[in-house]
Amino acid sequence: MPVALYQRVALRRDLPGQQLRAGDVAYLVDRVPHPAGGEAGCVLEVFNALGESIAVVTVPESDVEALSADEVLSIRRLVAS
C-alpha cells in the first residue's frame, strides 16, 4: 500500500549528492509520473533536527518506505561529501 501524501517516510538508499543516507526521514510531498512510463517518482522534503527545510529531492517510489511503530528516530551530523 503506498504511503499517503504528507506522511513521514524513510529513504531506502543513500543519495550522496544530497548528503542524504538510507534511513533518513523525509516528508512525501508529491508523486510524479515517469515521463517515459517507468516507475513513478516521489518528491520528498527533508528537514534538519530544528525543523528547517534542507533539501527537496525526487526519487523512484521504490527508494521510499513507510515508517513503523517499532523504529526509533536518530540524529547524525550533516557533513559535506
N, C-alpha and C. Protein backbone atom coordinates (compact mmCIF):
# COMPACT_ATOMS: atom_id res chain seq x y z
N MET A 1 0.85 -1.18 0.00
CA MET A 1 0.00 0.00 0.00
C MET A 1 0.89 1.24 0.00
N PRO A 2 0.67 2.16 -0.91
CA PRO A 2 1.52 3.34 -0.99
C PRO A 2 1.34 4.26 0.23
N VAL A 3 2.38 4.97 0.55
CA VAL A 3 2.33 5.94 1.65
C VAL A 3 1.49 7.14 1.22
N ALA A 4 0.68 7.64 2.12
CA ALA A 4 -0.16 8.80 1.82
C ALA A 4 0.70 10.06 1.75
N LEU A 5 0.25 11.02 0.97
CA LEU A 5 0.96 12.30 0.88
C LEU A 5 1.05 12.95 2.26
N TYR A 6 2.11 13.71 2.44
CA TYR A 6 2.38 14.49 3.66
C TYR A 6 2.68 13.63 4.89
N GLN A 7 3.05 12.38 4.65
CA GLN A 7 3.47 11.49 5.74
C GLN A 7 4.99 11.38 5.76
N ARG A 8 5.53 11.07 6.92
CA ARG A 8 6.97 10.84 7.01
C ARG A 8 7.31 9.49 6.42
N VAL A 9 8.44 9.46 5.73
CA VAL A 9 8.95 8.24 5.11
C VAL A 9 10.45 8.16 5.37
N ALA A 10 11.03 7.01 5.09
CA ALA A 10 12.47 6.84 5.20
C ALA A 10 13.04 6.51 3.83
N LEU A 11 14.24 7.00 3.58
CA LEU A 11 14.95 6.65 2.35
C LEU A 11 15.47 5.21 2.46
N ARG A 12 15.45 4.49 1.37
CA ARG A 12 15.98 3.13 1.33
C ARG A 12 17.41 3.08 0.82
N ARG A 13 17.90 4.18 0.26
CA ARG A 13 19.28 4.18 -0.25
C ARG A 13 19.91 5.54 -0.02
N ASP A 14 21.24 5.56 -0.06
CA ASP A 14 21.99 6.81 0.08
C ASP A 14 21.81 7.68 -1.16
N LEU A 15 21.80 9.00 -0.94
CA LEU A 15 21.83 9.98 -2.02
C LEU A 15 23.04 10.88 -1.76
N PRO A 16 24.24 10.41 -2.11
CA PRO A 16 25.47 11.13 -1.76
C PRO A 16 25.52 12.57 -2.27
N GLY A 17 24.98 12.83 -3.43
CA GLY A 17 24.99 14.19 -3.97
C GLY A 17 24.16 15.16 -3.16
N GLN A 18 23.27 14.63 -2.34
CA GLN A 18 22.41 15.46 -1.50
C GLN A 18 22.79 15.36 -0.02
N GLN A 19 23.83 14.59 0.28
CA GLN A 19 24.29 14.34 1.65
C GLN A 19 23.23 13.59 2.47
N LEU A 20 22.43 12.79 1.81
CA LEU A 20 21.39 12.03 2.49
C LEU A 20 21.76 10.55 2.49
N ARG A 21 21.31 9.86 3.54
CA ARG A 21 21.64 8.44 3.70
C ARG A 21 20.38 7.61 3.87
N ALA A 22 20.52 6.32 3.56
CA ALA A 22 19.42 5.38 3.81
C ALA A 22 19.02 5.50 5.27
N GLY A 23 17.72 5.55 5.52
CA GLY A 23 17.21 5.69 6.88
C GLY A 23 16.87 7.12 7.25
N ASP A 24 17.36 8.11 6.49
CA ASP A 24 16.99 9.49 6.77
C ASP A 24 15.48 9.65 6.56
N VAL A 25 14.88 10.49 7.37
CA VAL A 25 13.43 10.69 7.35
C VAL A 25 13.11 11.95 6.54
N ALA A 26 12.05 11.87 5.75
CA ALA A 26 11.60 12.99 4.93
C ALA A 26 10.08 12.97 4.89
N TYR A 27 9.49 14.02 4.36
CA TYR A 27 8.04 14.06 4.14
C TYR A 27 7.76 13.86 2.66
N LEU A 28 6.80 13.01 2.36
CA LEU A 28 6.36 12.79 0.98
C LEU A 28 5.42 13.93 0.61
N VAL A 29 5.85 14.79 -0.30
CA VAL A 29 5.04 15.97 -0.64
C VAL A 29 4.34 15.88 -2.01
N ASP A 30 4.77 14.94 -2.85
CA ASP A 30 4.10 14.79 -4.15
C ASP A 30 4.54 13.49 -4.80
N ARG A 31 3.74 13.05 -5.75
CA ARG A 31 4.10 11.92 -6.61
C ARG A 31 4.10 12.44 -8.04
N VAL A 32 5.04 11.96 -8.84
CA VAL A 32 5.12 12.40 -10.23
C VAL A 32 5.27 11.18 -11.14
N PRO A 33 4.56 11.19 -12.27
CA PRO A 33 4.70 10.07 -13.20
C PRO A 33 6.06 10.14 -13.90
N HIS A 34 6.55 8.99 -14.28
CA HIS A 34 7.79 8.93 -15.06
C HIS A 34 7.46 9.39 -16.48
N PRO A 35 8.29 10.24 -17.09
CA PRO A 35 7.96 10.76 -18.42
C PRO A 35 7.91 9.71 -19.52
N ALA A 36 8.58 8.57 -19.30
CA ALA A 36 8.58 7.52 -20.33
C ALA A 36 7.80 6.29 -19.89
N GLY A 37 6.96 6.44 -18.85
CA GLY A 37 6.14 5.32 -18.42
C GLY A 37 6.80 4.38 -17.43
N GLY A 38 7.97 4.72 -16.93
CA GLY A 38 8.67 3.89 -15.94
C GLY A 38 8.10 4.09 -14.55
N GLU A 39 8.91 3.77 -13.58
CA GLU A 39 8.50 3.87 -12.18
C GLU A 39 8.19 5.32 -11.80
N ALA A 40 7.09 5.51 -11.10
CA ALA A 40 6.72 6.85 -10.63
C ALA A 40 7.75 7.37 -9.64
N GLY A 41 7.79 8.68 -9.51
CA GLY A 41 8.72 9.30 -8.58
C GLY A 41 8.00 9.87 -7.37
N CYS A 42 8.76 10.06 -6.30
CA CYS A 42 8.26 10.68 -5.08
C CYS A 42 9.08 11.94 -4.81
N VAL A 43 8.40 13.04 -4.59
CA VAL A 43 9.06 14.28 -4.22
C VAL A 43 9.08 14.32 -2.70
N LEU A 44 10.28 14.43 -2.14
CA LEU A 44 10.46 14.41 -0.69
C LEU A 44 11.05 15.73 -0.22
N GLU A 45 10.60 16.20 0.93
CA GLU A 45 11.22 17.35 1.57
C GLU A 45 11.88 16.86 2.85
N VAL A 46 13.15 17.23 3.00
CA VAL A 46 13.95 16.78 4.14
C VAL A 46 14.20 17.98 5.06
N PHE A 47 14.08 17.75 6.34
CA PHE A 47 14.27 18.80 7.34
C PHE A 47 15.40 18.43 8.29
N ASN A 48 16.07 19.44 8.84
CA ASN A 48 17.08 19.16 9.86
C ASN A 48 16.38 18.96 11.20
N ALA A 49 17.17 18.73 12.25
CA ALA A 49 16.61 18.44 13.57
C ALA A 49 15.83 19.61 14.15
N LEU A 50 16.06 20.83 13.66
CA LEU A 50 15.34 22.00 14.14
C LEU A 50 14.08 22.30 13.33
N GLY A 51 13.80 21.47 12.31
CA GLY A 51 12.61 21.66 11.51
C GLY A 51 12.79 22.58 10.32
N GLU A 52 14.04 22.90 9.98
CA GLU A 52 14.33 23.76 8.83
C GLU A 52 14.51 22.89 7.58
N SER A 53 13.87 23.29 6.50
CA SER A 53 13.98 22.55 5.25
C SER A 53 15.41 22.61 4.73
N ILE A 54 15.99 21.45 4.40
CA ILE A 54 17.36 21.43 3.90
C ILE A 54 17.49 20.84 2.50
N ALA A 55 16.45 20.16 2.03
CA ALA A 55 16.53 19.58 0.68
C ALA A 55 15.15 19.20 0.19
N VAL A 56 14.97 19.28 -1.12
CA VAL A 56 13.81 18.72 -1.80
C VAL A 56 14.38 17.84 -2.90
N VAL A 57 14.04 16.57 -2.88
CA VAL A 57 14.59 15.61 -3.84
C VAL A 57 13.47 14.79 -4.45
N THR A 58 13.72 14.27 -5.63
CA THR A 58 12.79 13.34 -6.28
C THR A 58 13.50 12.02 -6.44
N VAL A 59 12.87 10.96 -5.97
CA VAL A 59 13.46 9.62 -6.03
C VAL A 59 12.40 8.65 -6.56
N PRO A 60 12.83 7.51 -7.10
CA PRO A 60 11.85 6.50 -7.51
C PRO A 60 11.05 6.03 -6.29
N GLU A 61 9.82 5.66 -6.53
CA GLU A 61 8.93 5.21 -5.45
C GLU A 61 9.54 4.05 -4.65
N SER A 62 10.32 3.20 -5.30
CA SER A 62 10.93 2.05 -4.62
C SER A 62 12.03 2.47 -3.64
N ASP A 63 12.47 3.72 -3.67
CA ASP A 63 13.50 4.21 -2.75
C ASP A 63 12.91 4.79 -1.47
N VAL A 64 11.60 4.62 -1.28
CA VAL A 64 10.90 5.20 -0.13
C VAL A 64 10.17 4.09 0.61
N GLU A 65 10.21 4.15 1.94
CA GLU A 65 9.44 3.18 2.73
C GLU A 65 8.72 3.89 3.87
N ALA A 66 7.58 3.34 4.24
CA ALA A 66 6.81 3.89 5.35
C ALA A 66 7.55 3.65 6.66
N LEU A 67 7.31 4.52 7.62
CA LEU A 67 7.85 4.32 8.96
C LEU A 67 6.94 3.36 9.71
N SER A 68 7.50 2.68 10.71
CA SER A 68 6.68 1.77 11.51
C SER A 68 6.89 2.03 13.00
N ALA A 69 5.98 1.54 13.79
CA ALA A 69 5.97 1.80 15.23
C ALA A 69 7.18 1.20 15.95
N ASP A 70 7.84 0.22 15.36
CA ASP A 70 8.98 -0.40 16.04
C ASP A 70 10.32 0.22 15.65
N GLU A 71 10.28 1.42 15.07
CA GLU A 71 11.50 2.14 14.68
C GLU A 71 11.68 3.36 15.57
N VAL A 72 12.95 3.75 15.77
CA VAL A 72 13.29 4.90 16.60
C VAL A 72 14.05 5.91 15.74
N LEU A 73 13.68 7.20 15.84
CA LEU A 73 14.40 8.23 15.11
C LEU A 73 15.74 8.49 15.78
N SER A 74 16.71 8.93 15.01
CA SER A 74 18.05 9.21 15.49
C SER A 74 18.55 10.47 14.81
N ILE A 75 19.68 11.02 15.27
CA ILE A 75 20.26 12.16 14.59
C ILE A 75 21.68 11.84 14.15
N ARG A 76 22.15 12.57 13.16
CA ARG A 76 23.53 12.47 12.70
C ARG A 76 23.92 13.84 12.19
N ARG A 77 25.21 14.12 12.12
CA ARG A 77 25.68 15.38 11.60
C ARG A 77 25.59 15.37 10.08
N LEU A 78 25.16 16.49 9.52
CA LEU A 78 25.10 16.65 8.08
C LEU A 78 26.46 17.19 7.65
N VAL A 79 27.26 16.33 7.04
CA VAL A 79 28.62 16.69 6.66
C VAL A 79 28.73 16.64 5.14
N ALA A 80 29.38 17.64 4.57
CA ALA A 80 29.57 17.67 3.12
C ALA A 80 30.34 16.44 2.66
N SER A 81 29.93 15.87 1.53
CA SER A 81 30.61 14.69 0.98
C SER A 81 31.96 15.05 0.43
